[in-house]
């Protein structure tokens, strides 16, 4: 009995799926008749003349060669010795060092250099300062030195500098 009932319901449901859909077709035609849209025509395409780029041979502003200067001497000439053992006074900037005295022994003059409350003895040939400064002469009133500094082109150039003997500073001042 249950089978017969299900069979009957299925038949009724299938009759609802008939081909008779003319009323829907006529309603759709009626509605779409007044809905015709108007599309504007495309604008006329303008023709542009081709212009060749004349700046291709010029320097490119975003290349590293524009930022980094060219090396003139190719790395030759003067340069500091990277394999040389560094001396203690090369850790200090030249401006922070003070010449506070001089010692002479066997015709060899040695200067007394103060750095951070420590006292060092130096002579001609010693290095001091952070710019690869080598002492060329020790006089009664100064220490003369030759520094190697890098210029704007990346070349190493010599610069003469000196440390002057500082007058004694008294405790009251």
Protein backbone atom coordinates (compact mmCIF):
# COMPACT_ATOMS: atom_id res chain seq x y z
CA UNK A 1 0.00 0.00 0.00
CA UNK A 2 2.74 2.39 0.76
CA UNK A 3 4.24 1.62 -2.61
CA UNK A 4 1.08 2.47 -4.42
CA UNK A 5 0.78 5.72 -2.53
CA UNK A 6 4.36 6.73 -3.42
CA UNK A 7 3.77 5.77 -7.04
CA UNK A 8 0.68 7.96 -7.18
CA UNK A 9 2.51 10.96 -5.65
CA UNK A 10 5.35 10.52 -8.14
CA UNK A 11 2.98 10.51 -11.10
CA UNK A 12 1.26 13.67 -9.91
CA UNK A 13 4.63 15.37 -9.44
CA UNK A 14 5.76 14.37 -12.92
CA UNK A 15 2.67 15.84 -14.54
CA UNK A 16 3.70 19.22 -13.14
CA UNK A 17 6.85 19.07 -15.26
CA UNK A 18 4.99 19.12 -18.55
CA UNK A 19 6.09 21.03 -21.69
CA UNK A 20 3.26 23.46 -21.40
CA UNK A 21 5.18 26.62 -20.43
CA UNK A 22 3.67 29.01 -22.93
CA UNK A 23 2.36 31.38 -20.27
CA UNK A 24 5.88 31.85 -18.86
CA UNK A 25 7.32 32.32 -22.36
CA UNK A 26 4.73 34.98 -23.22
CA UNK A 27 5.33 36.85 -19.93
CA UNK A 28 9.11 36.89 -20.53
CA UNK A 29 8.63 38.21 -24.07
CA UNK A 30 6.29 40.90 -22.78
CA UNK A 31 8.75 42.06 -20.10
CA UNK A 32 11.83 42.06 -22.29
CA UNK A 33 10.12 44.06 -25.06
CA UNK A 34 10.48 47.34 -23.14
CA UNK A 35 13.98 46.67 -21.82
CA UNK A 36 16.15 47.33 -24.82
CA UNK A 37 19.30 49.20 -23.74
CA UNK A 38 21.18 51.64 -25.91
CA UNK A 39 24.96 51.25 -26.14
CA UNK A 40 26.88 54.33 -27.19
CA UNK A 41 29.29 53.80 -30.06
CA UNK A 42 32.98 53.54 -29.18
CA UNK A 43 34.99 56.75 -29.49
CA UNK A 44 37.24 57.17 -32.48
CA UNK A 45 40.80 55.99 -31.80
CA UNK A 46 43.39 58.72 -32.29
CA UNK A 47 46.59 57.81 -34.10
CA UNK A 48 49.77 59.05 -32.40
CA UNK A 49 53.11 59.46 -34.10
CA UNK A 50 55.98 57.36 -32.71
CA UNK A 51 58.79 59.34 -31.05
CA UNK A 52 62.21 57.73 -30.58
CA UNK A 53 63.77 58.03 -27.09
CA UNK A 54 66.97 60.04 -27.44
CA UNK A 55 68.21 59.56 -23.85
CA UNK A 56 69.18 55.89 -24.14
CA UNK A 57 72.88 56.75 -24.55
CA UNK A 58 72.93 59.14 -21.56
CA UNK A 59 73.89 58.22 -17.98
CA UNK A 60 71.21 56.24 -16.19
CA UNK A 61 70.43 58.04 -12.91
CA UNK A 62 69.57 54.88 -10.95
CA UNK A 63 72.69 52.83 -11.71
CA UNK A 64 75.30 52.34 -9.00
CA UNK A 65 77.97 53.89 -11.24
CA UNK A 66 76.11 57.19 -10.94
CA UNK A 67 76.25 57.04 -7.14
CA UNK A 68 79.68 55.49 -6.67
CA UNK A 69 82.62 57.61 -7.88
CA UNK A 70 85.05 56.16 -10.38
CA UNK A 71 88.49 55.20 -9.14
CA UNK A 72 91.15 57.10 -11.05
CA UNK A 73 94.29 55.22 -10.17
CA UNK A 74 92.71 51.75 -10.11
CA UNK A 75 93.73 51.13 -6.51
CA UNK A 76 97.46 51.76 -7.05
CA UNK A 77 99.63 54.32 -5.31
CA UNK A 78 99.32 55.10 -1.62
CA UNK A 79 97.29 52.83 0.61
CA UNK A 80 97.43 51.68 4.23
CA UNK A 81 98.95 48.30 5.04
CA UNK A 82 96.06 46.04 6.18
CA UNK A 83 98.47 43.32 7.42
CA UNK A 84 100.40 45.62 9.78
CA UNK A 85 99.85 45.05 13.50
CA UNK A 86 97.86 47.94 14.97
CA UNK A 87 99.35 49.98 17.81
CA UNK A 88 97.31 50.96 20.91
CA UNK A 89 97.12 54.68 20.05
CA UNK A 90 95.48 53.93 16.68
CA UNK A 91 92.24 53.21 18.53
CA UNK A 92 91.86 56.89 19.46
CA UNK A 93 90.94 59.83 17.23
CA UNK A 94 93.82 62.30 16.89
CA UNK A 95 91.71 65.04 18.51
CA UNK A 96 91.43 63.04 21.76
CA UNK A 97 95.20 62.56 22.14
CA UNK A 98 97.37 65.06 24.06
CA UNK A 99 101.14 65.52 23.97
CA UNK A 100 102.12 66.16 27.58
CA UNK A 101 105.91 65.87 27.52
CA UNK A 102 109.11 64.80 25.81
CA UNK A 103 111.98 62.48 26.74
CA UNK A 104 115.37 62.40 25.03
CA UNK A 105 117.68 59.43 25.46
CA UNK A 106 120.75 58.69 23.27
CA UNK A 107 119.71 61.50 20.87
CA UNK A 108 116.34 59.79 20.30
CA UNK A 109 113.36 61.98 21.17
CA UNK A 110 110.25 60.30 22.53
CA UNK A 111 106.96 62.08 23.10
CA UNK A 112 104.64 61.36 26.00
CA UNK A 113 101.07 61.01 24.71
CA UNK A 114 98.07 60.91 27.03
CA UNK A 115 94.92 59.00 26.03
CA UNK A 116 92.12 58.24 28.52
CA UNK A 117 94.28 58.83 31.62
CA UNK A 118 96.98 56.48 30.26
CA UNK A 119 100.43 57.65 29.23
CA UNK A 120 102.27 56.26 26.19
CA UNK A 121 105.81 56.81 24.87
CA UNK A 122 106.09 57.19 21.10
CA UNK A 123 108.92 57.98 18.68
CA UNK A 124 109.35 58.51 14.95
CA UNK A 125 107.93 55.52 13.06
CA UNK A 126 105.13 54.77 15.55
CA UNK A 127 101.49 55.03 14.49
CA UNK A 128 98.74 57.02 16.17
CA UNK A 129 95.24 58.24 15.36
CA UNK A 130 92.51 56.55 13.37
CA UNK A 131 93.67 57.87 9.96
CA UNK A 132 96.77 55.64 9.67
CA UNK A 133 99.01 58.41 11.04
CA UNK A 134 102.74 57.62 11.20
CA UNK A 135 105.01 59.85 13.28
CA UNK A 136 107.64 61.51 11.09
CA UNK A 137 109.36 63.68 13.72
CA UNK A 138 109.31 64.41 17.43
CA UNK A 139 110.38 67.97 18.28
CA UNK A 140 110.54 69.82 21.59
CA UNK A 141 107.07 71.29 21.10
CA UNK A 142 105.19 68.93 18.78
CA UNK A 143 104.78 65.52 17.19
CA UNK A 144 104.66 65.72 13.38
CA UNK A 145 102.83 62.96 11.56
CA UNK A 146 101.67 61.95 8.11
CA UNK A 147 98.14 60.53 7.79
CA UNK A 148 96.59 58.56 4.94
CA UNK A 149 92.99 59.57 4.24
CA UNK A 150 90.61 58.63 1.46
CA UNK A 151 89.44 61.52 -0.73
CA UNK A 152 86.05 61.89 -2.45
CA UNK A 153 87.24 59.88 -5.45
CA UNK A 154 88.33 56.94 -3.30
CA UNK A 155 92.06 57.63 -3.71
CA UNK A 156 94.40 57.60 -0.70
CA UNK A 157 96.17 60.92 -0.13
CA UNK A 158 98.68 62.07 2.48
CA UNK A 159 97.80 64.75 4.99
CA UNK A 160 100.25 66.40 7.37
CA UNK A 161 99.12 66.75 10.98
CA UNK A 162 100.71 67.53 14.30
CA UNK A 163 100.09 67.28 18.02
CA UNK A 164 101.27 70.33 19.98
CA UNK A 165 102.73 70.13 23.47
CA UNK A 166 99.95 70.98 25.94
CA UNK A 167 100.70 73.39 28.75
CA UNK A 168 100.41 71.94 32.20
CA UNK A 169 96.88 72.22 33.52
CA UNK A 170 96.74 73.03 37.20
CA UNK A 171 94.32 71.27 39.50
CA UNK A 172 92.47 74.51 40.34
CA UNK A 173 91.49 75.24 36.75
